[in-house]
Every structure is written in structure tokens, then in C-alpha cells.
Amino acid sequence: MNKRLEEILQRKEEIRSLLADETNKNINFDEIEKELRELDEEEKEIRRRQTIIDGMGTMTTRTNTAKPVKANIYDSEEYRQAFMNYVCRGERLPKEFRSDEVTATTDIGALVPPVTLNKIIEKIEAYGMILPLVTRTSYKTGMVIPTASVKPTATWVAEGAGSDKQKKALSGTITFGHFKLRCAVAVTLETENMVYSAFETTLVKNIVEAMAKALEMAIISGTGSGQPTGILTDDSKGAKLKVSALDYQTLINAEAELPMEYENGAVWVMTKKTFMQFIGMVDKNGQPIARVNYGIGGKPERILLGRTVKLTNYIDTFNESLGAGKVFAFLYNFADYTLNTNFQIGIKTYEDNDTDDIIRKMIMVCDGKPIIYDSLVKLVKAGE
């Protein structure tokens, strides 16, 4: 059988050489295609037969005296059901799940199903409030996007009269670069094999969270050097209001600074501690200025004077120790921020041959810039 397979492979090489010879004009392509199809079918049949024969070598036969591998009974559906009955109803575990009549303290771990033990408890961190709001694009690196700050105006004219021609000028351009965001986590080979399923799920989840948090921090306060440019990076952009104390008038002044053209879409951004300082405040008519609605989505929806509030930890909280000139809240339409991605998140798993550590690496190439600052209204701490 192996000899025939070698003959087939050798004949394919001969055909390959025949077709590669451009000087050979007397080639019947129909016959060659027919022969190649027959050779492929025969090769598939030989390989399939060999695969079946190889698999039979690992099967347990009557003459095989080796003991079959024993499954882990403590990871079975039956044991998990028995364990639940033991915990909830006090029913005694079946005999097959007890190695002895007396259970010592060292045996307690075996009573708990491995599926229950195979979990990782970790600190929960907030993220994902800002990233879904920005505009996502996939322009090529170095592409120049023109911007215009002047729009044409329409004029009323008399019957039969025309209007002046207006020039549409391009006042600036925006160019996206490419910055690499990378996160790699390594675990030892022993740990990888001990609790594989828990670490596989948790590590990937942690890496994704780390990437999302890094992106959100860059969107708000990125330097623009080696990372995206943040909304608050350029202090000269947007309107700025100095605030010495949080009150109803603070929100009124901020809303007055927001241009009417950007009423729709602009949201408040602040920390939860800053927002909670508005809770309980009322206007002159006694109406609360801050509301928290508990919708059917199962999460609170925070509102200040009818405008949505997005909470984040990537900005300072308003308090007595906050330095003068520090931004503690701002209004902005995140649709005016563009996050350009050249390479979407990709994950790679490999082994360090020197240490046998298993490394999971995630990489993303992107850049981000605020395209328009007209909807930006910043609240800063008053002072010298």
C-alpha cells in the first residue's frame, strides 16, 4: 500500500514537471486533468484506509491486558447531582463515591466536584462605558482626511435672480498613525495543566479587559505620542468653566456653553463620586436635578438635567484636595471622536522554550483623535 502511494506521489511530480516545461507544446490537458483526478481519488482512499488501520492499534481488544484509563468519577454529572443532594438535602453520598466509611479532613476536597472548584475569584473593575460611544473606522495608515470649518449659506432671492457663488474651503486635515497596543500574560506549564479550563477563560477575559481599559484611558487623556490622542489632552480646546462648588448653577452654565447644534448626542462624563454629589440637589422649583432610572436592562441610567451621564474612573473626582485647573467632568459628543483600527485584536498562544511557560499575547494596532471639539465643555476646579 505504501509502495503504491509512493508511485502516485512520484507520478504527480512527473506531471508537475511536465506542466512547468513551457517548451513542451504537445500536452493534452484533458487527459492530464483526468489522470490527476484518478490519482487524487486513489490517494485519498489509501490514506483513509491507513488512518483506520492506525486507529485500530490504540483500541482496546480482548487480548489487551492493559487496564483501561479510569474516568474521574468526581467530575461526572452523577456525582455533581449527588453532591447537590448532599448539600441541599443532607442525603448520604452513594457508596461508589466514598472510598471509606470514615471521611477525614483531607478527603473533604474530593467531596466538592472539580467543576465547582475550578473557578477563579478576582476583583471586578469598571470598563466599557466609553469605548462603545466613539466612531470606529478602518482607514489605512497615513491616509489624510480633509476637514472643513465653513459651511455654505442659503439666501432668499427675487424671481429670476441668482445668488453669489460660495467657495467650499478645506481648512485642515487629519492623519491617522498606527500605535501598537500589546498585552501578554504568562503562566507556568504546571499551572496551565492543573486548572486549564478556568485559566483559559479567565486569562482571555482579563486580557480583553486590559485592552479595553487602555483604549478608554487613551480616548480621554491619551498623549498622542505612542498612543491615541485624548479628548482632554489639548487644554486649549473646548469651552472651560471654573467651578469652586458643585451646585445647580454649575450645570446651567455648562449647558449654556454647549452649542445648540450639539444638543443631540452630547453626554456628561464624570466619576461616580462626583455624580453622587449632585444627588439630592433641587432646582428653584424643588425638582431634583439628578435622577437614576432603573430600567428593564438591569442597570441604572443616570441623568443630569435630562442629559445622560457616563461614569468612568479615568478622570479626577471633585473634592477639596483636587488641584486647581484639573478637569473633573465634561460634556462631549463621542461620535466626534474617531478610533481608527488598522489591525483588529488578534490573540496568539505560544510556549517559552527556556522556561516552559505558556504565554498568551494579544495585539491591536490603532490610533484615535478628536475630529471636532465644538461639543466639548470642561468643568475644572477653580483656583490660582
Protein backbone atom coordinates (compact mmCIF):
# COMPACT_ATOMS: atom_id res chain seq x y z
CA MET A 1 0.00 0.00 0.00
CA ASN A 2 2.81 2.41 0.90
CA LYS A 3 4.59 1.48 -2.30
CA ARG A 4 1.52 2.42 -4.34
CA LEU A 5 1.28 5.73 -2.50
CA GLU A 6 4.89 6.47 -3.40
CA GLU A 7 4.14 5.69 -7.03
CA ILE A 8 1.20 8.11 -7.01
CA LEU A 9 3.27 10.91 -5.48
CA GLN A 10 6.08 10.26 -7.97
CA ARG A 11 3.65 10.40 -10.89
CA LYS A 12 2.27 13.72 -9.62
CA GLU A 13 5.76 15.16 -9.55
CA GLU A 14 6.31 14.00 -13.13
CA ILE A 15 3.10 15.73 -14.20
CA ARG A 16 4.14 18.88 -12.34
CA SER A 17 7.48 18.93 -14.18
CA LEU A 18 5.72 18.29 -17.48
CA LEU A 19 3.39 21.25 -16.99
CA ALA A 20 6.21 23.51 -15.79
CA ASP A 21 8.13 22.95 -19.02
CA GLU A 22 6.89 25.82 -21.23
CA THR A 23 8.73 24.42 -24.27
CA ASN A 24 6.53 21.36 -24.29
CA LYS A 25 3.62 22.26 -26.56
CA ASN A 26 2.18 18.79 -27.13
CA ILE A 27 0.20 18.45 -23.93
CA ASN A 28 -3.29 17.02 -23.74
CA PHE A 29 -4.68 18.91 -20.76
CA ASP A 30 -7.92 16.92 -20.72
CA GLU A 31 -6.08 13.65 -20.27
CA ILE A 32 -3.79 15.16 -17.61
CA GLU A 33 -6.76 16.52 -15.62
CA LYS A 34 -8.50 13.15 -15.84
CA GLU A 35 -5.37 11.33 -14.65
CA LEU A 36 -4.86 13.75 -11.76
CA ARG A 37 -8.44 13.27 -10.58
CA GLU A 38 -8.00 9.48 -10.63
CA LEU A 39 -4.69 9.76 -8.76
CA ASP A 40 -6.26 12.05 -6.12
CA GLU A 41 -9.16 9.67 -5.54
CA GLU A 42 -6.84 6.70 -5.20
CA GLU A 43 -4.52 8.62 -2.85
CA LYS A 44 -7.47 9.66 -0.61
CA GLU A 45 -8.68 6.04 -0.41
CA ILE A 46 -5.21 4.76 0.53
CA ARG A 47 -4.71 7.43 3.21
CA ARG A 48 -8.19 6.88 4.66
CA ARG A 49 -7.60 3.13 4.87
CA GLN A 50 -4.24 3.68 6.55
CA THR A 51 -5.82 6.08 9.08
CA ILE A 52 -8.38 3.43 10.06
CA ILE A 53 -5.66 0.80 10.46
CA ASP A 54 -3.55 3.16 12.61
CA GLY A 55 -6.56 3.90 14.83
CA MET A 56 -7.18 0.22 15.45
CA GLY A 57 -3.79 -0.02 17.12
CA THR A 58 -4.94 2.18 20.00
CA MET A 59 -8.26 0.41 20.55
CA THR A 60 -8.73 -1.97 23.48
CA THR A 61 -9.02 -5.59 22.34
CA ARG A 62 -9.69 -8.83 24.21
CA THR A 63 -6.03 -9.75 24.12
CA ASN A 64 -5.01 -6.36 25.50
CA THR A 65 -4.18 -6.88 29.18
CA ALA A 66 -3.58 -3.18 29.90
CA LYS A 67 -6.11 -1.62 32.29
CA PRO A 68 -8.39 0.95 30.66
CA VAL A 69 -7.98 4.54 31.76
CA LYS A 70 -10.38 5.24 34.60
CA ALA A 71 -12.52 8.34 34.21
CA ASN A 72 -12.64 10.90 37.01
CA ILE A 73 -15.90 10.00 38.75
CA TYR A 74 -15.81 13.23 40.73
CA ASP A 75 -16.17 15.23 37.51
CA SER A 76 -19.22 13.28 36.31
CA GLU A 77 -22.81 14.51 36.07
CA GLU A 78 -23.92 11.79 38.51
CA TYR A 79 -21.51 12.90 41.21
CA ARG A 80 -22.43 16.56 40.83
CA GLN A 81 -26.09 15.63 41.27
CA ALA A 82 -25.25 13.51 44.31
CA PHE A 83 -23.17 16.33 45.76
CA MET A 84 -26.06 18.77 45.33
CA ASN A 85 -28.40 16.38 47.15
CA TYR A 86 -25.79 16.04 49.92
CA VAL A 87 -25.51 19.81 50.37
CA CYS A 88 -29.17 20.77 49.89
CA ARG A 89 -31.00 17.82 51.41
CA GLY A 90 -28.42 16.11 53.61
CA GLU A 91 -28.64 12.86 51.65
CA ARG A 92 -25.73 10.48 52.12
CA LEU A 93 -23.32 10.17 49.20
CA PRO A 94 -23.64 6.85 47.30
CA LYS A 95 -21.09 4.21 48.18
CA GLU A 96 -19.31 4.39 44.81
CA PHE A 97 -18.41 7.99 45.58
CA ARG A 98 -16.96 7.19 49.03
CA SER A 99 -13.60 5.46 49.36
CA ASP A 100 -14.25 4.60 53.02
CA GLU A 101 -16.94 4.82 55.69
CA VAL A 102 -14.98 7.45 57.63
CA THR A 103 -14.16 10.73 55.92
CA ALA A 104 -11.12 12.59 57.16
CA THR A 105 -10.45 16.30 56.81
CA THR A 106 -8.00 15.58 53.99
CA ASP A 107 -10.81 13.98 51.99
CA ILE A 108 -13.15 16.97 52.07
CA GLY A 109 -11.69 18.47 48.91
CA ALA A 110 -12.67 15.36 46.97
CA LEU A 111 -16.28 15.79 48.05
CA VAL A 112 -16.57 19.03 46.10
CA PRO A 113 -16.90 18.44 42.35
CA PRO A 114 -13.88 19.67 40.37
CA VAL A 115 -16.23 21.75 38.25
CA THR A 116 -17.13 23.70 41.38
CA LEU A 117 -13.51 24.08 42.47
CA ASN A 118 -12.34 25.09 39.02
CA LYS A 119 -13.14 28.79 39.38
CA ILE A 120 -11.12 31.95 39.92
CA ILE A 121 -12.40 34.74 42.15
CA GLU A 122 -10.98 38.13 41.19
CA LYS A 123 -11.52 41.83 41.71
CA ILE A 124 -14.08 43.39 39.41
CA GLU A 125 -13.01 46.54 37.57
CA ALA A 126 -15.13 49.05 35.67
CA TYR A 127 -14.65 49.46 31.93
CA GLY A 128 -16.62 49.57 28.70
CA MET A 129 -18.56 52.80 29.37
CA ILE A 130 -16.70 54.98 26.85
CA LEU A 131 -15.49 52.63 24.10
CA PRO A 132 -18.93 51.82 22.60
CA LEU A 133 -19.69 55.55 22.10
CA VAL A 134 -16.84 56.55 19.76
CA THR A 135 -16.84 56.35 15.97
CA ARG A 136 -14.94 53.32 14.64
CA THR A 137 -13.12 53.40 11.28
CA SER A 138 -10.56 51.28 9.41
CA TYR A 139 -8.60 53.75 7.29
CA LYS A 140 -5.13 52.87 6.08
CA THR A 141 -2.19 54.32 8.00
CA GLY A 142 -1.13 57.72 6.73
CA MET A 143 -4.40 58.49 4.95
CA VAL A 144 -5.15 62.23 5.08
CA ILE A 145 -8.77 63.17 5.81
CA PRO A 146 -9.69 66.77 4.92
CA THR A 147 -11.89 68.81 7.25
CA ALA A 148 -13.92 71.95 6.63
CA SER A 149 -14.98 74.53 9.20
CA VAL A 150 -17.08 76.75 6.92
CA LYS A 151 -20.47 75.71 5.54
CA PRO A 152 -22.30 77.44 2.68
CA THR A 153 -25.32 79.63 3.45
CA ALA A 154 -28.60 79.92 1.54
CA THR A 155 -30.07 83.32 0.66
CA TRP A 156 -33.54 84.48 -0.38
CA VAL A 157 -33.60 85.86 -3.92
CA ALA A 158 -36.18 87.52 -6.14
CA GLU A 159 -37.81 85.80 -9.08
CA GLY A 160 -35.36 85.25 -11.90
CA ALA A 161 -32.38 86.37 -9.79
CA GLY A 162 -29.38 84.28 -8.77
CA SER A 163 -27.15 84.14 -5.69
CA ASP A 164 -23.43 84.58 -5.12
CA LYS A 165 -21.23 81.55 -5.64
CA GLN A 166 -19.60 80.34 -2.45
CA LYS A 167 -16.30 78.57 -2.07
CA LYS A 168 -16.14 75.38 0.00
CA ALA A 169 -12.72 75.69 1.61
CA LEU A 170 -10.87 72.83 3.31
CA SER A 171 -9.40 74.34 6.45
CA GLY A 172 -7.40 71.39 7.75
CA THR A 173 -6.58 67.71 7.59
CA ILE A 174 -6.43 64.76 9.96
CA THR A 175 -3.90 61.96 9.54
CA PHE A 176 -4.13 58.68 11.43
CA GLY A 177 -0.94 56.94 12.51
CA HIS A 178 -0.54 53.42 13.87
CA PHE A 179 0.20 52.59 17.50
CA LYS A 180 0.53 49.03 18.76
CA LEU A 181 -1.35 48.01 21.89
CA ARG A 182 0.02 44.78 23.34
CA CYS A 183 -0.83 42.63 26.34
CA ALA A 184 0.91 39.34 27.17
CA VAL A 185 0.28 37.05 30.15
CA ALA A 186 2.39 34.01 31.06
CA VAL A 187 1.59 31.08 33.33
CA THR A 188 3.77 28.12 34.20
CA LEU A 189 3.25 24.83 32.44
CA GLU A 190 2.24 23.22 35.75
CA THR A 191 -0.47 25.80 36.40
CA GLU A 192 -1.71 25.55 32.83
CA ASN A 193 -2.30 21.81 33.20
CA MET A 194 -3.71 21.91 36.76
CA VAL A 195 -6.70 24.20 36.13
CA TYR A 196 -6.68 24.63 32.38
CA SER A 197 -10.34 25.49 31.73
CA ALA A 198 -10.53 28.16 34.42
CA PHE A 199 -7.30 29.86 33.38
CA GLU A 200 -8.13 29.66 29.69
CA THR A 201 -11.41 31.52 30.20
CA THR A 202 -10.21 33.96 32.83
CA LEU A 203 -6.92 34.94 31.19
CA VAL A 204 -8.52 35.73 27.85
CA LYS A 205 -11.20 37.75 29.65
CA ASN A 206 -8.54 39.64 31.63
CA ILE A 207 -6.53 40.44 28.51
CA VAL A 208 -9.61 41.81 26.74
CA GLU A 209 -10.42 43.95 29.79
CA ALA A 210 -6.87 45.29 29.89
CA MET A 211 -7.03 46.26 26.21
CA ALA A 212 -10.41 47.96 26.65
CA LYS A 213 -9.24 49.93 29.70
CA ALA A 214 -6.09 51.07 27.91
CA LEU A 215 -8.18 52.27 24.95
CA GLU A 216 -10.64 54.15 27.15
CA MET A 217 -7.87 55.86 29.09
CA ALA A 218 -6.27 56.94 25.80
CA ILE A 219 -9.60 58.23 24.45
CA ILE A 220 -9.97 60.54 27.44
CA SER A 221 -6.40 61.58 28.21
CA GLY A 222 -4.03 59.93 25.70
CA THR A 223 -0.85 61.91 24.98
CA GLY A 224 -0.83 61.30 21.22
CA SER A 225 2.78 60.11 21.43
CA GLY A 226 2.93 56.33 21.07
CA GLN A 227 -0.81 56.19 21.79
CA PRO A 228 -4.06 57.82 20.59
CA THR A 229 -4.79 61.48 21.34
CA GLY A 230 -7.23 62.08 24.18
CA ILE A 231 -10.19 64.43 24.29
CA LEU A 232 -8.72 66.35 27.23
CA THR A 233 -5.10 66.35 26.02
CA ASP A 234 -5.15 69.80 24.39
CA ASP A 235 -6.07 72.22 27.17
CA SER A 236 -6.84 74.99 24.68
CA LYS A 237 -9.65 73.03 23.00
CA GLY A 238 -13.28 73.29 24.06
CA ALA A 239 -15.05 75.60 26.49
CA LYS A 240 -13.78 75.71 30.06
CA LEU A 241 -15.75 76.62 33.21
CA LYS A 242 -14.06 77.17 36.56
CA VAL A 243 -16.05 75.68 39.43
CA SER A 244 -15.47 76.27 43.13
CA ALA A 245 -18.52 74.32 44.37
CA LEU A 246 -20.97 71.94 42.79
CA ASP A 247 -24.50 73.33 42.59
CA TYR A 248 -27.45 73.73 40.27
CA GLN A 249 -25.94 76.79 38.62
CA THR A 250 -22.85 74.77 37.62
CA LEU A 251 -24.95 72.57 35.35
CA ILE A 252 -26.88 75.56 33.99
CA ASN A 253 -23.65 77.31 33.00
CA ALA A 254 -22.30 74.16 31.33
CA GLU A 255 -25.49 73.61 29.34
CA ALA A 256 -25.37 77.26 28.24
CA GLU A 257 -21.84 76.75 26.87
CA LEU A 258 -22.90 73.72 24.80
CA PRO A 259 -23.79 74.90 21.27
CA MET A 260 -27.35 74.16 20.24
CA GLU A 261 -26.08 72.23 17.20
CA TYR A 262 -24.62 69.62 19.56
CA GLU A 263 -27.60 69.19 21.86
CA ASN A 264 -28.29 65.72 20.50
CA GLY A 265 -25.65 63.16 21.39
CA ALA A 266 -23.64 65.07 23.99
CA VAL A 267 -23.27 63.26 27.34
CA TRP A 268 -21.79 64.03 30.73
CA VAL A 269 -18.62 62.21 31.79
CA MET A 270 -17.54 62.09 35.43
CA THR A 271 -16.72 59.70 38.26
CA LYS A 272 -19.44 58.10 40.35
CA LYS A 273 -18.35 60.06 43.43
CA THR A 274 -18.72 63.34 41.54
CA PHE A 275 -22.18 62.35 40.30
CA MET A 276 -23.34 61.36 43.77
CA GLN A 277 -22.64 64.92 44.96
CA PHE A 278 -25.47 66.08 42.68
CA ILE A 279 -27.92 63.57 44.16
CA GLY A 280 -30.38 65.42 46.42
CA MET A 281 -29.87 68.81 44.78
CA VAL A 282 -33.05 70.55 43.56
CA ASP A 283 -33.77 73.46 41.28
CA LYS A 284 -35.70 76.58 42.22
CA ASN A 285 -38.98 74.70 41.77
CA GLY A 286 -37.89 71.89 44.07
CA GLN A 287 -37.33 69.38 41.26
CA PRO A 288 -34.29 67.07 41.59
CA ILE A 289 -31.56 67.83 39.07
CA ALA A 290 -30.11 64.32 39.20
CA ARG A 291 -32.08 61.17 38.54
CA VAL A 292 -31.28 57.46 38.50
CA ASN A 293 -33.67 55.33 36.49
CA TYR A 294 -33.66 51.57 36.93
CA GLY A 295 -34.70 50.27 33.53
CA ILE A 296 -35.59 46.79 32.40
CA GLY A 297 -32.00 46.32 31.25
CA GLY A 298 -30.99 45.66 34.86
CA LYS A 299 -28.59 48.58 35.14
CA PRO A 300 -29.10 52.15 36.40
CA GLU A 301 -29.40 55.01 33.93
CA ARG A 302 -28.02 58.25 35.38
CA ILE A 303 -29.29 61.64 34.22
CA LEU A 304 -28.39 65.29 34.98
CA LEU A 305 -30.98 67.83 33.84
CA GLY A 306 -32.25 65.34 31.29
CA ARG A 307 -28.79 64.53 29.89
CA THR A 308 -27.22 61.06 30.10
CA VAL A 309 -24.24 60.62 32.44
CA LYS A 310 -21.43 58.18 31.66
CA LEU A 311 -19.33 57.17 34.66
CA THR A 312 -15.62 56.45 34.40
CA ASN A 313 -12.59 56.11 36.66
CA TYR A 314 -10.23 57.75 34.17
CA ILE A 315 -10.93 61.31 35.34
CA ASP A 316 -10.44 63.15 38.65
CA THR A 317 -13.16 63.41 41.31
CA PHE A 318 -14.28 66.81 42.56
CA ASN A 319 -13.18 67.27 46.19
CA GLU A 320 -11.21 69.65 48.39
CA SER A 321 -7.86 68.07 47.56
CA LEU A 322 -8.32 68.39 43.78
CA GLY A 323 -5.73 70.71 42.29
CA ALA A 324 -6.71 73.97 40.61
CA GLY A 325 -7.28 73.69 36.87
CA LYS A 326 -7.92 69.94 36.97
CA VAL A 327 -10.82 68.67 34.85
CA PHE A 328 -13.34 66.69 36.91
CA ALA A 329 -16.26 66.50 34.43
CA PHE A 330 -17.00 67.34 30.82
CA LEU A 331 -19.70 67.37 28.16
CA TYR A 332 -18.87 65.80 24.81
CA ASN A 333 -20.42 64.04 21.84
CA PHE A 334 -18.26 60.92 21.48
CA ALA A 335 -19.38 60.50 17.87
CA ASP A 336 -16.90 63.33 17.19
CA TYR A 337 -14.02 61.09 18.34
CA THR A 338 -12.70 58.60 15.77
CA LEU A 339 -10.86 55.42 16.74
CA ASN A 340 -9.12 54.10 13.63
CA THR A 341 -8.13 50.43 13.73
CA ASN A 342 -5.60 49.00 11.25
CA PHE A 343 -5.41 45.57 12.86
CA GLN A 344 -8.26 44.24 14.97
CA ILE A 345 -7.47 42.37 18.15
CA GLY A 346 -5.65 39.10 17.49
CA ILE A 347 -4.57 36.56 20.11
CA LYS A 348 -1.66 34.15 19.91
CA THR A 349 -0.66 31.37 22.32
CA TYR A 350 2.88 30.03 22.37
CA GLU A 351 5.37 28.33 24.70
CA ASP A 352 8.62 29.80 26.01
CA ASN A 353 11.14 27.03 25.34
CA ASP A 354 13.53 28.26 28.05
CA THR A 355 11.03 28.29 30.93
CA ASP A 356 8.17 26.13 29.56
CA ASP A 357 5.77 28.97 30.39
CA ILE A 358 2.58 29.24 28.35
CA ILE A 359 2.19 32.80 27.03
CA ARG A 360 -0.95 34.36 25.63
CA LYS A 361 -0.37 37.54 23.64
CA MET A 362 -2.96 39.95 22.29
CA ILE A 363 -2.08 42.75 19.83
CA MET A 364 -4.05 45.62 18.35
CA VAL A 365 -2.89 48.42 16.01
CA CYS A 366 -4.92 51.61 16.18
CA ASP A 367 -4.96 55.40 16.51
CA GLY A 368 -7.58 57.81 17.74
CA LYS A 369 -8.20 61.54 17.54
CA PRO A 370 -10.96 64.00 18.40
CA ILE A 371 -12.19 65.19 14.99
CA ILE A 372 -14.34 68.04 16.36
CA TYR A 373 -14.07 69.85 19.71
CA ASP A 374 -17.18 72.04 19.35
CA SER A 375 -19.24 69.84 21.70
CA LEU A 376 -16.57 69.82 24.44
CA VAL A 377 -17.41 71.71 27.65
CA LYS A 378 -15.00 71.12 30.56
CA LEU A 379 -15.56 71.70 34.26
CA VAL A 380 -12.30 72.48 36.10
CA LYS A 381 -11.52 73.20 39.73
CA ALA A 382 -11.30 76.93 40.38
CA GLY A 383 -8.19 78.37 41.99
CA GLU A 384 -4.87 80.05 41.31
